[in-house]
């Protein structure tokens, strides 16, 4: 059944042995030892379970096409990293530092805290009143209340001031870029 005669196998083994240098033998021994170490680690139940779970997830990703998305994202990140210059990184850190300095102060923290508490209290008040009645007469009745008029005045004043500041900032931005 074996087509290669035994003397031919012996000559082949002798030729391979003669052709191998000491460095090749050393690399082969290191590769064999590393391979046995990996096989030994795969005998650990936790490692084997982790490898099986990893292979199952990779298979799922392949079937759903999400593996392509992962590799496209990695390629995109690599391209972005390659395109970023030192001055771009420096400008980004200056921007982040500027934003932190502007937003991380006691006034902003107090305003955010007050806004959060006000929203929570408003939710409690509206839930306690139950569902709104609806209809035109209910709306007119609601508009006639002083607190509704005060709230509307506040919202209008806020909107007008925000619009004025936005126009002012936009004008400064256009003036600086001219």
Protein backbone atom coordinates (compact mmCIF):
# COMPACT_ATOMS: atom_id res chain seq x y z
CA UNK A 1 0.00 0.00 0.00
CA UNK A 2 2.93 2.32 0.71
CA UNK A 3 4.42 3.48 -2.59
CA UNK A 4 7.64 4.89 -1.08
CA UNK A 5 10.15 2.16 -0.33
CA UNK A 6 11.72 2.17 3.14
CA UNK A 7 15.25 2.97 1.88
CA UNK A 8 13.87 6.06 0.14
CA UNK A 9 12.33 7.28 3.40
CA UNK A 10 15.62 6.74 5.19
CA UNK A 11 17.49 8.71 2.50
CA UNK A 12 14.86 11.51 2.71
CA UNK A 13 15.23 11.71 6.50
CA UNK A 14 19.04 11.72 6.18
CA UNK A 15 18.90 14.51 3.56
CA UNK A 16 16.61 16.62 5.77
CA UNK A 17 18.92 16.05 8.74
CA UNK A 18 21.99 17.01 6.71
CA UNK A 19 20.29 20.17 5.35
CA UNK A 20 19.26 21.52 8.76
CA UNK A 21 21.60 23.95 10.47
CA UNK A 22 21.97 24.32 14.23
CA UNK A 23 19.86 27.50 14.10
CA UNK A 24 17.09 25.69 12.26
CA UNK A 25 17.11 22.89 14.83
CA UNK A 26 16.99 25.42 17.66
CA UNK A 27 14.04 27.31 16.09
CA UNK A 28 12.23 24.03 15.50
CA UNK A 29 12.74 23.03 19.15
CA UNK A 30 11.48 26.43 20.40
CA UNK A 31 8.47 26.25 18.08
CA UNK A 32 7.68 22.74 19.30
CA UNK A 33 7.97 23.81 22.95
CA UNK A 34 5.71 26.82 22.38
CA UNK A 35 3.17 24.64 20.58
CA UNK A 36 3.13 22.15 23.46
CA UNK A 37 2.67 25.02 25.94
CA UNK A 38 -0.38 26.24 24.01
CA UNK A 39 -1.82 22.72 23.86
CA UNK A 40 -1.21 22.37 27.61
CA UNK A 41 -3.04 25.66 28.28
CA UNK A 42 -5.98 24.47 26.16
CA UNK A 43 -6.36 21.55 28.59
CA UNK A 44 -7.36 24.04 31.30
CA UNK A 45 -11.17 24.00 31.48
CA UNK A 46 -11.55 27.81 31.83
CA UNK A 47 -9.22 28.47 28.90
CA UNK A 48 -10.97 25.89 26.74
CA UNK A 49 -14.38 27.39 27.58
CA UNK A 50 -13.07 30.89 26.78
CA UNK A 51 -11.70 29.75 23.41
CA UNK A 52 -14.99 28.04 22.56
CA UNK A 53 -16.97 31.16 23.55
CA UNK A 54 -14.63 33.31 21.45
CA UNK A 55 -15.01 31.05 18.43
CA UNK A 56 -18.81 31.04 18.84
CA UNK A 57 -18.88 34.86 18.94
CA UNK A 58 -16.57 35.17 15.93
CA UNK A 59 -18.85 32.78 14.03
CA UNK A 60 -21.91 34.86 14.98
CA UNK A 61 -20.15 38.04 13.89
CA UNK A 62 -19.25 36.44 10.58
CA UNK A 63 -22.81 35.26 9.94
CA UNK A 64 -24.35 38.64 10.78
CA UNK A 65 -21.78 40.62 8.83
CA UNK A 66 -20.71 42.57 11.91
CA UNK A 67 -17.15 41.32 11.55
CA UNK A 68 -16.84 43.44 8.40
CA UNK A 69 -18.07 46.43 10.42
CA UNK A 70 -15.48 45.77 13.14
CA UNK A 71 -12.64 45.62 10.64
CA UNK A 72 -13.91 48.68 8.76
CA UNK A 73 -14.02 50.57 12.07
CA UNK A 74 -10.48 49.48 12.89
CA UNK A 75 -9.34 50.60 9.44
CA UNK A 76 -11.09 53.95 9.93
CA UNK A 77 -9.46 54.46 13.34
CA UNK A 78 -6.07 53.57 11.93
CA UNK A 79 -6.54 56.03 9.07
CA UNK A 80 -7.65 58.76 11.48
CA UNK A 81 -4.67 58.07 13.73
CA UNK A 82 -2.31 58.25 10.77
CA UNK A 83 -3.87 61.51 9.55
CA UNK A 84 -3.74 63.35 12.88
CA UNK A 85 -0.81 65.71 13.27
CA UNK A 86 0.80 66.91 16.49
CA UNK A 87 -0.71 70.38 16.06
CA UNK A 88 -4.17 68.85 15.67
CA UNK A 89 -3.74 66.92 18.91
CA UNK A 90 -2.47 70.05 20.66
CA UNK A 91 -5.45 72.11 19.44
CA UNK A 92 -7.84 69.37 20.54
CA UNK A 93 -6.39 69.32 24.06
CA UNK A 94 -6.56 73.13 24.21
CA UNK A 95 -10.24 72.94 23.19
CA UNK A 96 -10.98 70.26 25.82
CA UNK A 97 -9.15 72.25 28.49
CA UNK A 98 -11.10 75.38 27.50
CA UNK A 99 -14.42 73.51 27.68
CA UNK A 100 -13.56 72.02 31.07
CA UNK A 101 -12.57 75.41 32.43
CA UNK A 102 -15.82 76.95 31.17
CA UNK A 103 -18.14 74.16 32.24
CA UNK A 104 -16.49 72.87 35.40
CA UNK A 105 -17.32 75.65 37.81
CA UNK A 106 -19.67 76.10 40.75
CA UNK A 107 -22.18 78.25 38.84
CA UNK A 108 -22.69 75.64 36.12
CA UNK A 109 -22.88 72.84 38.69
CA UNK A 110 -25.48 74.76 40.73
CA UNK A 111 -27.49 75.57 37.60
CA UNK A 112 -27.45 71.91 36.50
CA UNK A 113 -28.46 70.77 39.98
CA UNK A 114 -31.31 73.30 40.13
CA UNK A 115 -32.50 72.34 36.64
CA UNK A 116 -32.51 68.65 37.54
CA UNK A 117 -34.41 69.24 40.79
CA UNK A 118 -36.90 71.53 39.02
CA UNK A 119 -37.59 68.89 36.37
CA UNK A 120 -38.06 66.17 38.99
CA UNK A 121 -40.45 68.38 40.98
CA UNK A 122 -42.37 69.33 37.82
CA UNK A 123 -42.82 65.65 36.98
CA UNK A 124 -44.12 64.99 40.50
CA UNK A 125 -46.57 67.92 40.31
CA UNK A 126 -47.94 66.96 36.90
CA UNK A 127 -48.28 63.29 37.87
CA UNK A 128 -50.13 64.25 41.08
CA UNK A 129 -52.68 66.29 39.08
CA UNK A 130 -53.50 63.32 36.89
CA UNK A 131 -54.20 63.41 33.15
CA UNK A 132 -54.96 66.78 31.56
CA UNK A 133 -58.60 67.50 30.74
CA UNK A 134 -57.87 68.78 27.26
CA UNK A 135 -60.02 70.98 25.09
CA UNK A 136 -60.03 74.64 24.17
CA UNK A 137 -61.81 75.87 27.32
CA UNK A 138 -59.30 74.06 29.56
CA UNK A 139 -56.45 75.68 27.64
CA UNK A 140 -58.00 79.14 27.95
CA UNK A 141 -58.57 78.52 31.66
CA UNK A 142 -54.93 77.46 32.05
CA UNK A 143 -53.72 80.56 30.17
CA UNK A 144 -55.68 82.84 32.49
CA UNK A 145 -53.72 81.69 35.56
CA UNK A 146 -50.95 84.06 36.75
CA UNK A 147 -48.36 81.26 37.10
CA UNK A 148 -48.98 80.18 33.48
CA UNK A 149 -48.52 83.75 32.28
CA UNK A 150 -45.34 84.10 34.37
CA UNK A 151 -43.99 80.82 32.93
CA UNK A 152 -44.78 81.95 29.37
CA UNK A 153 -43.10 85.33 30.02
CA UNK A 154 -40.03 83.50 31.34
CA UNK A 155 -39.85 81.18 28.31
CA UNK A 156 -40.31 84.11 25.90
CA UNK A 157 -37.67 86.23 27.67
CA UNK A 158 -35.28 83.27 27.70
CA UNK A 159 -35.85 82.59 24.00
CA UNK A 160 -35.35 86.27 23.08
CA UNK A 161 -32.13 86.54 25.11
CA UNK A 162 -30.83 83.28 23.66
CA UNK A 163 -31.59 84.46 20.14
CA UNK A 164 -29.87 87.82 20.78
CA UNK A 165 -26.76 86.15 22.23
CA UNK A 166 -26.65 83.67 19.35
CA UNK A 167 -26.85 86.50 16.82
CA UNK A 168 -24.15 88.39 18.74
CA UNK A 169 -21.87 85.32 18.81
CA UNK A 170 -22.56 84.62 15.15
CA UNK A 171 -21.64 88.22 14.29
CA UNK A 172 -18.38 87.93 16.25
CA UNK A 173 -17.61 84.64 14.49
CA UNK A 174 -18.23 86.17 11.05
CA UNK A 175 -16.17 89.26 11.97
CA UNK A 176 -13.22 87.12 13.15
CA UNK A 177 -13.25 85.06 9.97
CA UNK A 178 -13.42 88.08 7.64
